């Protein structure tokens, strides 16, 4: 495996800075920004009860501390992706499920992948939601409180024309090169410098938002083919493509940022 980093333990939710604005890969950080457990929700209200989680959907981003930024993508069904990033280095990827109670008490639980060490652990986050405005994340034992703001770019429908073409990316501090081709119909093919091949699809989300649904199969010599599902987004200039994906059981996951290869 070179395109996907395999982990043998369990993981958390995902603040995907790269999915909101393309960044780099690899690296680590002392601050996780995704707590172990759900933390404590500030001012959750005096009564409990499920609320419509679709009101939390969107791109959310902001600083965790002076070194680390967080981005969260919440989809209409509550599926949540989170990535933590220091400068252009991705530190943590997580995938989870969001719930809402009392209309504004927000929580996510799932699995978190440390992109530097490969450690995977159960984790989550919680906080207070102001729809299409702010998401205030509560402090945990290993993360300070921080506030994320809503990005209206989420409301622009994804278009295949924005991703069609050739893309390049690297893994392992540049040791492995990847080449990906996306057709006008969303078919994805590719290969790596270590003889792995990739096949799948990238299709606009059915809810007319700025997210693509990703299906991907990786085949490498001497190992069984592995199938992944996830999401992808482009940057505003459509010259950067970010993908995050896990296996169906979420035991394995990864993320890449690719750069468009100019047409000669």
C-alpha atoms as a PDB file:
ATOM      1  CA  UNK A   1       0.000   0.000   0.000  1.00  0.00           C
ATOM      2  CA  UNK A   2       1.335   3.451  -0.854  1.00  0.00           C
ATOM      3  CA  UNK A   3      -1.637   5.620  -1.752  1.00  0.00           C
ATOM      4  CA  UNK A   4      -3.485   4.709   1.421  1.00  0.00           C
ATOM      5  CA  UNK A   5      -1.949   4.588   4.867  1.00  0.00           C
ATOM      6  CA  UNK A   6      -3.221   1.512   6.725  1.00  0.00           C
ATOM      7  CA  UNK A   7      -3.916   1.599  10.464  1.00  0.00           C
ATOM      8  CA  UNK A   8      -4.616  -1.349  12.743  1.00  0.00           C
ATOM      9  CA  UNK A   9      -6.599   0.323  15.526  1.00  0.00           C
ATOM     10  CA  UNK A  10      -9.909   2.227  15.737  1.00  0.00           C
ATOM     11  CA  UNK A  11     -10.415   6.065  14.878  1.00  0.00           C
ATOM     12  CA  UNK A  12     -12.614   9.485  15.578  1.00  0.00           C
ATOM     13  CA  UNK A  13     -14.544  12.344  13.693  1.00  0.00           C
ATOM     14  CA  UNK A  14     -12.777  14.491  10.881  1.00  0.00           C
ATOM     15  CA  UNK A  15     -11.898  18.174  10.689  1.00  0.00           C
ATOM     16  CA  UNK A  16     -10.849  18.211   7.098  1.00  0.00           C
ATOM     17  CA  UNK A  17      -9.041  21.402   6.516  1.00  0.00           C
ATOM     18  CA  UNK A  18      -7.840  20.049   3.212  1.00  0.00           C
ATOM     19  CA  UNK A  19     -11.371  19.398   2.020  1.00  0.00           C
ATOM     20  CA  UNK A  20     -12.366  22.990   2.597  1.00  0.00           C
ATOM     21  CA  UNK A  21      -9.139  24.479   1.248  1.00  0.00           C
ATOM     22  CA  UNK A  22      -6.488  22.193  -0.245  1.00  0.00           C
ATOM     23  CA  UNK A  23      -3.398  21.690   1.901  1.00  0.00           C
ATOM     24  CA  UNK A  24      -0.462  19.304   2.226  1.00  0.00           C
ATOM     25  CA  UNK A  25      -0.115  15.772   3.555  1.00  0.00           C
ATOM     26  CA  UNK A  26       1.637  13.954   6.370  1.00  0.00           C
ATOM     27  CA  UNK A  27       3.087  15.469   9.530  1.00  0.00           C
ATOM     28  CA  UNK A  28       1.958  15.710  13.134  1.00  0.00           C
ATOM     29  CA  UNK A  29       0.914  18.043  15.920  1.00  0.00           C
ATOM     30  CA  UNK A  30       0.962  18.129  19.690  1.00  0.00           C
ATOM     31  CA  UNK A  31      -2.642  19.348  19.762  1.00  0.00           C
ATOM     32  CA  UNK A  32      -5.256  16.909  18.549  1.00  0.00           C
ATOM     33  CA  UNK A  33      -8.334  19.153  18.452  1.00  0.00           C
ATOM     34  CA  UNK A  34     -10.441  15.982  18.496  1.00  0.00           C
ATOM     35  CA  UNK A  35     -11.063  14.784  22.025  1.00  0.00           C
ATOM     36  CA  UNK A  36     -11.078  11.290  23.431  1.00  0.00           C
ATOM     37  CA  UNK A  37     -14.752  10.838  24.137  1.00  0.00           C
ATOM     38  CA  UNK A  38     -17.341  13.520  23.467  1.00  0.00           C
ATOM     39  CA  UNK A  39     -16.254  16.149  25.976  1.00  0.00           C
ATOM     40  CA  UNK A  40     -18.734  18.483  27.677  1.00  0.00           C
ATOM     41  CA  UNK A  41     -21.293  20.490  25.771  1.00  0.00           C
ATOM     42  CA  UNK A  42     -21.464  24.105  26.931  1.00  0.00           C
ATOM     43  CA  UNK A  43     -24.979  25.376  27.740  1.00  0.00           C
ATOM     44  CA  UNK A  44     -26.807  22.411  26.199  1.00  0.00           C
ATOM     45  CA  UNK A  45     -30.186  23.515  27.459  1.00  0.00           C
ATOM     46  CA  UNK A  46     -32.433  22.186  30.193  1.00  0.00           C
ATOM     47  CA  UNK A  47     -34.168  19.442  28.212  1.00  0.00           C
ATOM     48  CA  UNK A  48     -32.978  16.785  25.817  1.00  0.00           C
ATOM     49  CA  UNK A  49     -34.346  15.511  22.529  1.00  0.00           C
ATOM     50  CA  UNK A  50     -33.180  14.812  19.015  1.00  0.00           C
ATOM     51  CA  UNK A  51     -33.199  17.691  16.538  1.00  0.00           C
ATOM     52  CA  UNK A  52     -32.851  17.818  12.746  1.00  0.00           C
ATOM     53  CA  UNK A  53     -29.140  17.225  12.175  1.00  0.00           C
ATOM     54  CA  UNK A  54     -29.362  18.636   8.641  1.00  0.00           C
ATOM     55  CA  UNK A  55     -29.312  22.121  10.190  1.00  0.00           C
ATOM     56  CA  UNK A  56     -25.654  21.440  11.061  1.00  0.00           C
ATOM     57  CA  UNK A  57     -24.603  20.673   7.483  1.00  0.00           C
ATOM     58  CA  UNK A  58     -21.896  22.753   5.875  1.00  0.00           C
ATOM     59  CA  UNK A  59     -18.201  23.582   5.669  1.00  0.00           C
ATOM     60  CA  UNK A  60     -16.887  24.745   9.052  1.00  0.00           C
ATOM     61  CA  UNK A  61     -13.335  25.943   9.710  1.00  0.00           C
ATOM     62  CA  UNK A  62     -11.183  27.944  12.101  1.00  0.00           C
ATOM     63  CA  UNK A  63      -8.087  27.896  14.357  1.00  0.00           C
ATOM     64  CA  UNK A  64      -7.758  25.417  17.217  1.00  0.00           C
ATOM     65  CA  UNK A  65      -4.665  27.163  18.566  1.00  0.00           C
ATOM     66  CA  UNK A  66      -1.713  29.155  17.223  1.00  0.00           C
ATOM     67  CA  UNK A  67      -0.352  26.176  15.287  1.00  0.00           C
ATOM     68  CA  UNK A  68      -3.385  24.105  14.308  1.00  0.00           C
ATOM     69  CA  UNK A  69      -6.531  24.763  12.281  1.00  0.00           C
ATOM     70  CA  UNK A  70      -9.600  22.567  12.038  1.00  0.00           C
ATOM     71  CA  UNK A  71     -12.184  22.071   9.331  1.00  0.00           C
ATOM     72  CA  UNK A  72     -15.366  20.065   9.573  1.00  0.00           C
ATOM     73  CA  UNK A  73     -17.673  18.933   6.799  1.00  0.00           C
ATOM     74  CA  UNK A  74     -21.137  17.892   7.971  1.00  0.00           C
ATOM     75  CA  UNK A  75     -23.340  16.327   5.303  1.00  0.00           C
ATOM     76  CA  UNK A  76     -27.168  16.499   5.275  1.00  0.00           C
ATOM     77  CA  UNK A  77     -27.497  13.031   6.857  1.00  0.00           C
ATOM     78  CA  UNK A  78     -25.100  13.882   9.691  1.00  0.00           C
ATOM     79  CA  UNK A  79     -22.070  12.128   8.217  1.00  0.00           C
ATOM     80  CA  UNK A  80     -19.111  14.167   9.432  1.00  0.00           C
ATOM     81  CA  UNK A  81     -15.514  14.487   8.270  1.00  0.00           C
ATOM     82  CA  UNK A  82     -12.901  16.393  10.291  1.00  0.00           C
ATOM     83  CA  UNK A  83      -9.239  17.245   9.531  1.00  0.00           C
ATOM     84  CA  UNK A  84      -6.656  19.030  11.635  1.00  0.00           C
ATOM     85  CA  UNK A  85      -3.861  20.869   9.871  1.00  0.00           C
ATOM     86  CA  UNK A  86      -0.683  22.752  10.835  1.00  0.00           C
ATOM     87  CA  UNK A  87       0.290  25.160   8.050  1.00  0.00           C
ATOM     88  CA  UNK A  88       0.245  22.878   4.972  1.00  0.00           C
ATOM     89  CA  UNK A  89       0.634  19.637   6.955  1.00  0.00           C
ATOM     90  CA  UNK A  90      -2.346  17.401   7.655  1.00  0.00           C
ATOM     91  CA  UNK A  91      -2.182  15.923  11.151  1.00  0.00           C
ATOM     92  CA  UNK A  92      -5.458  14.151  11.830  1.00  0.00           C
ATOM     93  CA  UNK A  93      -8.305  12.708   9.786  1.00  0.00           C
ATOM     94  CA  UNK A  94     -11.550  11.556  11.345  1.00  0.00           C
ATOM     95  CA  UNK A  95     -14.920  10.255  10.226  1.00  0.00           C
ATOM     96  CA  UNK A  96     -18.025  10.140  12.384  1.00  0.00           C
ATOM     97  CA  UNK A  97     -21.743  10.778  12.771  1.00  0.00           C
ATOM     98  CA  UNK A  98     -23.220  14.002  14.097  1.00  0.00           C
ATOM     99  CA  UNK A  99     -26.282  14.342  16.288  1.00  0.00           C
ATOM    100  CA  UNK A 100     -28.196  17.392  17.505  1.00  0.00           C
ATOM    101  CA  UNK A 101     -30.247  17.783  20.660  1.00  0.00           C
ATOM    102  CA  UNK A 102     -32.121  20.777  22.068  1.00  0.00           C
ATOM    103  CA  UNK A 103     -31.841  22.300  18.572  1.00  0.00           C
ATOM    104  CA  UNK A 104     -28.243  23.458  19.082  1.00  0.00           C
ATOM    105  CA  UNK A 105     -26.256  20.910  21.164  1.00  0.00           C
ATOM    106  CA  UNK A 106     -23.940  19.327  18.604  1.00  0.00           C
ATOM    107  CA  UNK A 107     -21.889  16.140  19.064  1.00  0.00           C
ATOM    108  CA  UNK A 108     -19.888  13.806  16.828  1.00  0.00           C
ATOM    109  CA  UNK A 109     -18.604  10.329  17.570  1.00  0.00           C
ATOM    110  CA  UNK A 110     -16.552   8.088  15.326  1.00  0.00           C
ATOM    111  CA  UNK A 111     -12.946   7.215  14.545  1.00  0.00           C
ATOM    112  CA  UNK A 112      -9.813   9.366  14.260  1.00  0.00           C
ATOM    113  CA  UNK A 113      -6.654   8.628  12.241  1.00  0.00           C
ATOM    114  CA  UNK A 114      -3.362  10.240  13.248  1.00  0.00           C
ATOM    115  CA  UNK A 115      -1.677  10.869   9.883  1.00  0.00           C
ATOM    116  CA  UNK A 116       1.781  11.201  11.423  1.00  0.00           C
ATOM    117  CA  UNK A 117       1.956   8.158  13.703  1.00  0.00           C
ATOM    118  CA  UNK A 118      -0.684   5.868  12.221  1.00  0.00           C
ATOM    119  CA  UNK A 119      -2.415   5.548  15.599  1.00  0.00           C
ATOM    120  CA  UNK A 120      -6.186   5.142  15.346  1.00  0.00           C
ATOM    121  CA  UNK A 121      -8.514   5.714  18.316  1.00  0.00           C
ATOM    122  CA  UNK A 122     -12.172   6.184  19.180  1.00  0.00           C
ATOM    123  CA  UNK A 123     -12.903   9.869  19.752  1.00  0.00           C
ATOM    124  CA  UNK A 124     -15.409  12.668  19.294  1.00  0.00           C
ATOM    125  CA  UNK A 125     -16.239  16.311  19.719  1.00  0.00           C
ATOM    126  CA  UNK A 126     -19.173  18.353  20.953  1.00  0.00           C
ATOM    127  CA  UNK A 127     -20.317  21.941  21.118  1.00  0.00           C
ATOM    128  CA  UNK A 128     -22.971  24.500  20.343  1.00  0.00           C
ATOM    129  CA  UNK A 129     -24.295  25.112  16.829  1.00  0.00           C
ATOM    130  CA  UNK A 130     -25.634  28.321  15.344  1.00  0.00           C
ATOM    131  CA  UNK A 131     -26.837  27.133  11.899  1.00  0.00           C
ATOM    132  CA  UNK A 132     -24.934  28.664   8.980  1.00  0.00           C
ATOM    133  CA  UNK A 133     -22.979  30.862  11.395  1.00  0.00           C
ATOM    134  CA  UNK A 134     -20.772  29.196  14.015  1.00  0.00           C
ATOM    135  CA  UNK A 135     -19.886  25.923  15.666  1.00  0.00           C
ATOM    136  CA  UNK A 136     -18.359  26.351  19.138  1.00  0.00           C
ATOM    137  CA  UNK A 137     -16.430  23.195  20.041  1.00  0.00           C
ATOM    138  CA  UNK A 138     -16.106  22.370  23.743  1.00  0.00           C
ATOM    139  CA  UNK A 139     -12.739  21.781  25.389  1.00  0.00           C
ATOM    140  CA  UNK A 140     -11.598  18.232  26.145  1.00  0.00           C
ATOM    141  CA  UNK A 141      -8.720  16.731  28.123  1.00  0.00           C
ATOM    142  CA  UNK A 142      -6.365  17.134  25.148  1.00  0.00           C
ATOM    143  CA  UNK A 143      -7.819  20.061  23.232  1.00  0.00           C
ATOM    144  CA  UNK A 144      -8.823  23.662  24.027  1.00  0.00           C
ATOM    145  CA  UNK A 145     -12.223  25.092  23.177  1.00  0.00           C
ATOM    146  CA  UNK A 146     -12.384  26.705  19.729  1.00  0.00           C
ATOM    147  CA  UNK A 147     -14.933  28.163  17.327  1.00  0.00           C
ATOM    148  CA  UNK A 148     -15.469  27.291  13.681  1.00  0.00           C
ATOM    149  CA  UNK A 149     -17.256  29.517  11.188  1.00  0.00           C
ATOM    150  CA  UNK A 150     -19.548  28.562   8.336  1.00  0.00           C
ATOM    151  CA  UNK A 151     -18.331  28.735   4.730  1.00  0.00           C
ATOM    152  CA  UNK A 152     -21.080  29.492   2.209  1.00  0.00           C
ATOM    153  CA  UNK A 153     -19.066  27.815  -0.556  1.00  0.00           C
ATOM    154  CA  UNK A 154     -20.734  24.604   0.670  1.00  0.00           C
ATOM    155  CA  UNK A 155     -23.936  25.740  -1.049  1.00  0.00           C
ATOM    156  CA  UNK A 156     -22.408  25.766  -4.561  1.00  0.00           C
ATOM    157  CA  UNK A 157     -23.189  22.442  -6.299  1.00  0.00           C
ATOM    158  CA  UNK A 158     -20.192  20.313  -7.265  1.00  0.00           C
ATOM    159  CA  UNK A 159     -19.646  19.986 -11.039  1.00  0.00           C
ATOM    160  CA  UNK A 160     -17.826  17.214 -12.876  1.00  0.00           C
ATOM    161  CA  UNK A 161     -16.375  19.824 -15.226  1.00  0.00           C
ATOM    162  CA  UNK A 162     -14.394  21.168 -12.258  1.00  0.00           C
ATOM    163  CA  UNK A 163     -12.586  17.861 -11.646  1.00  0.00           C
ATOM    164  CA  UNK A 164     -12.273  16.351 -15.140  1.00  0.00           C
ATOM    165  CA  UNK A 165      -8.649  16.021 -16.208  1.00  0.00           C
ATOM    166  CA  UNK A 166      -5.323  14.774 -14.848  1.00  0.00           C
ATOM    167  CA  UNK A 167      -4.176  15.233 -11.256  1.00  0.00           C
ATOM    168  CA  UNK A 168      -0.883  14.536  -9.493  1.00  0.00           C
ATOM    169  CA  UNK A 169      -0.063  13.940  -5.842  1.00  0.00           C
ATOM    170  CA  UNK A 170       2.712  12.526  -3.678  1.00  0.00           C
ATOM    171  CA  UNK A 171       2.922  10.389  -0.559  1.00  0.00           C
ATOM    172  CA  UNK A 172       5.689   9.694   1.918  1.00  0.00           C
ATOM    173  CA  UNK A 173       7.381  13.106   1.738  1.00  0.00           C
ATOM    174  CA  UNK A 174       7.495  12.834  -2.040  1.00  0.00           C
ATOM    175  CA  UNK A 175       8.807   9.270  -2.149  1.00  0.00           C
ATOM    176  CA  UNK A 176       5.722   7.995  -4.010  1.00  0.00           C
ATOM    177  CA  UNK A 177       4.179   9.785  -6.990  1.00  0.00           C
ATOM    178  CA  UNK A 178       0.528   9.393  -7.951  1.00  0.00           C
ATOM    179  CA  UNK A 179      -1.181  10.169 -11.241  1.00  0.00           C
ATOM    180  CA  UNK A 180      -4.989  10.281 -11.386  1.00  0.00           C
ATOM    181  CA  UNK A 181      -7.298  10.810 -14.364  1.00  0.00           C
ATOM    182  CA  UNK A 182     -10.948  11.802 -14.003  1.00  0.00           C
ATOM    183  CA  UNK A 183     -13.194  11.619 -17.056  1.00  0.00           C
ATOM    184  CA  UNK A 184     -16.018  13.976 -17.960  1.00  0.00           C
ATOM    185  CA  UNK A 185     -18.445  11.333 -16.646  1.00  0.00           C
ATOM    186  CA  UNK A 186     -16.654  10.984 -13.305  1.00  0.00           C
ATOM    187  CA  UNK A 187     -14.716   7.754 -13.908  1.00  0.00           C
ATOM    188  CA  UNK A 188     -11.442   7.744 -11.972  1.00  0.00           C
ATOM    189  CA  UNK A 189      -8.325   5.798 -12.932  1.00  0.00           C
ATOM    190  CA  UNK A 190      -4.737   6.107 -11.834  1.00  0.00           C
ATOM    191  CA  UNK A 191      -1.398   4.597 -10.939  1.00  0.00           C
ATOM    192  CA  UNK A 192       1.536   5.112  -8.599  1.00  0.00           C
ATOM    193  CA  UNK A 193       5.290   5.013  -9.003  1.00  0.00           C
ATOM    194  CA  UNK A 194       5.231   1.773  -6.994  1.00  0.00           C
ATOM    195  CA  UNK A 195       2.968  -0.022  -9.511  1.00  0.00           C
ATOM    196  CA  UNK A 196      -0.333   0.265  -7.625  1.00  0.00           C
ATOM    197  CA  UNK A 197      -3.416   1.041  -9.705  1.00  0.00           C
ATOM    198  CA  UNK A 198      -6.627   2.878  -8.844  1.00  0.00           C
ATOM    199  CA  UNK A 199     -10.158   2.755 -10.221  1.00  0.00           C
ATOM    200  CA  UNK A 200     -13.398   4.316  -9.067  1.00  0.00           C
ATOM    201  CA  UNK A 201     -15.863   7.144  -9.508  1.00  0.00           C
ATOM    202  CA  UNK A 202     -16.248  10.735  -8.377  1.00  0.00           C
ATOM    203  CA  UNK A 203     -19.841  11.965  -8.567  1.00  0.00           C
ATOM    204  CA  UNK A 204     -21.550  15.181  -7.382  1.00  0.00           C
ATOM    205  CA  UNK A 205     -23.473  14.753  -4.135  1.00  0.00           C
ATOM    206  CA  UNK A 206     -27.212  14.272  -4.691  1.00  0.00           C
ATOM    207  CA  UNK A 207     -28.054  17.241  -2.454  1.00  0.00           C
ATOM    208  CA  UNK A 208     -26.512  19.821  -4.816  1.00  0.00           C
ATOM    209  CA  UNK A 209     -23.712  20.841  -2.444  1.00  0.00           C
ATOM    210  CA  UNK A 210     -19.989  21.452  -3.048  1.00  0.00           C
ATOM    211  CA  UNK A 211     -19.060  17.829  -2.273  1.00  0.00           C
ATOM    212  CA  UNK A 212     -18.352  14.816  -4.455  1.00  0.00           C
ATOM    213  CA  UNK A 213     -19.038  11.223  -3.417  1.00  0.00           C
ATOM    214  CA  UNK A 214     -15.927   9.108  -3.915  1.00  0.00           C
ATOM    215  CA  UNK A 215     -15.654   5.365  -4.571  1.00  0.00           C
ATOM    216  CA  UNK A 216     -12.137   3.995  -4.967  1.00  0.00           C
ATOM    217  CA  UNK A 217     -10.422   0.627  -5.310  1.00  0.00           C
ATOM    218  CA  UNK A 218      -6.674   0.252  -4.881  1.00  0.00           C
ATOM    219  CA  UNK A 219      -4.812  -2.753  -6.307  1.00  0.00           C
ATOM    220  CA  UNK A 220      -1.158  -3.365  -5.413  1.00  0.00           C
ATOM    221  CA  UNK A 221       1.125  -6.272  -6.249  1.00  0.00           C
ATOM    222  CA  UNK A 222       1.046  -9.028  -3.664  1.00  0.00           C
ATOM    223  CA  UNK A 223      -1.893  -7.662  -1.644  1.00  0.00           C
ATOM    224  CA  UNK A 224      -5.686  -8.007  -1.991  1.00  0.00           C
ATOM    225  CA  UNK A 225      -7.531  -5.132  -3.656  1.00  0.00           C
ATOM    226  CA  UNK A 226      -9.007  -2.693  -1.130  1.00  0.00           C
ATOM    227  CA  UNK A 227     -12.187  -0.677  -1.691  1.00  0.00           C
ATOM    228  CA  UNK A 228     -12.840   2.705  -0.088  1.00  0.00           C
ATOM    229  CA  UNK A 229     -15.630   5.278   0.009  1.00  0.00           C
ATOM    230  CA  UNK A 230     -15.498   8.913   0.980  1.00  0.00           C
ATOM    231  CA  UNK A 231     -15.795  12.474  -0.213  1.00  0.00           C
ATOM    232  CA  UNK A 232     -13.849  14.992  -2.253  1.00  0.00           C
ATOM    233  CA  UNK A 233     -13.864  18.746  -2.793  1.00  0.00           C
ATOM    234  CA  UNK A 234     -12.021  21.253  -4.958  1.00  0.00           C
ATOM    235  CA  UNK A 235     -10.562  24.605  -4.017  1.00  0.00           C
ATOM    236  CA  UNK A 236     -12.041  27.809  -5.424  1.00  0.00           C
ATOM    237  CA  UNK A 237      -9.623  27.898  -8.364  1.00  0.00           C
ATOM    238  CA  UNK A 238     -10.425  24.216  -9.150  1.00  0.00           C
ATOM    239  CA  UNK A 239      -6.703  23.457  -9.412  1.00  0.00           C
ATOM    240  CA  UNK A 240      -6.591  21.558  -6.112  1.00  0.00           C
ATOM    241  CA  UNK A 241      -8.517  18.385  -5.297  1.00  0.00           C
ATOM    242  CA  UNK A 242      -8.795  16.881  -1.807  1.00  0.00           C
ATOM    243  CA  UNK A 243     -10.054  13.383  -1.043  1.00  0.00           C
ATOM    244  CA  UNK A 244     -10.789  11.607   2.237  1.00  0.00           C
ATOM    245  CA  UNK A 245     -11.891   7.987   2.413  1.00  0.00           C
ATOM    246  CA  UNK A 246     -12.179   4.902   4.591  1.00  0.00           C
ATOM    247  CA  UNK A 247     -13.042   1.245   4.212  1.00  0.00           C
ATOM    248  CA  UNK A 248     -16.656   0.260   4.892  1.00  0.00           C
ATOM    249  CA  UNK A 249     -15.757  -0.824   8.442  1.00  0.00           C
ATOM    250  CA  UNK A 250     -13.712   2.367   8.932  1.00  0.00           C
ATOM    251  CA  UNK A 251     -10.728   0.322  10.095  1.00  0.00           C
ATOM    252  CA  UNK A 252      -8.565   1.959   7.430  1.00  0.00           C
ATOM    253  CA  UNK A 253      -8.615   5.507   6.090  1.00  0.00           C
ATOM    254  CA  UNK A 254      -6.506   8.148   4.406  1.00  0.00           C
ATOM    255  CA  UNK A 255      -6.532  11.511   2.678  1.00  0.00           C
ATOM    256  CA  UNK A 256      -4.672  13.056  -0.223  1.00  0.00           C
ATOM    257  CA  UNK A 257      -4.400  16.466  -1.850  1.00  0.00           C
ATOM    258  CA  UNK A 258      -3.838  16.479  -5.596  1.00  0.00           C
ATOM    259  CA  UNK A 259      -2.821  19.252  -7.963  1.00  0.00           C
ATOM    260  CA  UNK A 260      -4.235  19.669 -11.448  1.00  0.00           C
ATOM    261  CA  UNK A 261      -1.797  18.899 -14.256  1.00  0.00           C
ATOM    262  CA  UNK A 262      -2.071  21.654 -16.879  1.00  0.00           C
ATOM    263  CA  UNK A 263      -3.151  20.563 -20.338  1.00  0.00           C
ATOM    264  CA  UNK A 264      -0.222  21.025 -22.801  1.00  0.00           C
END
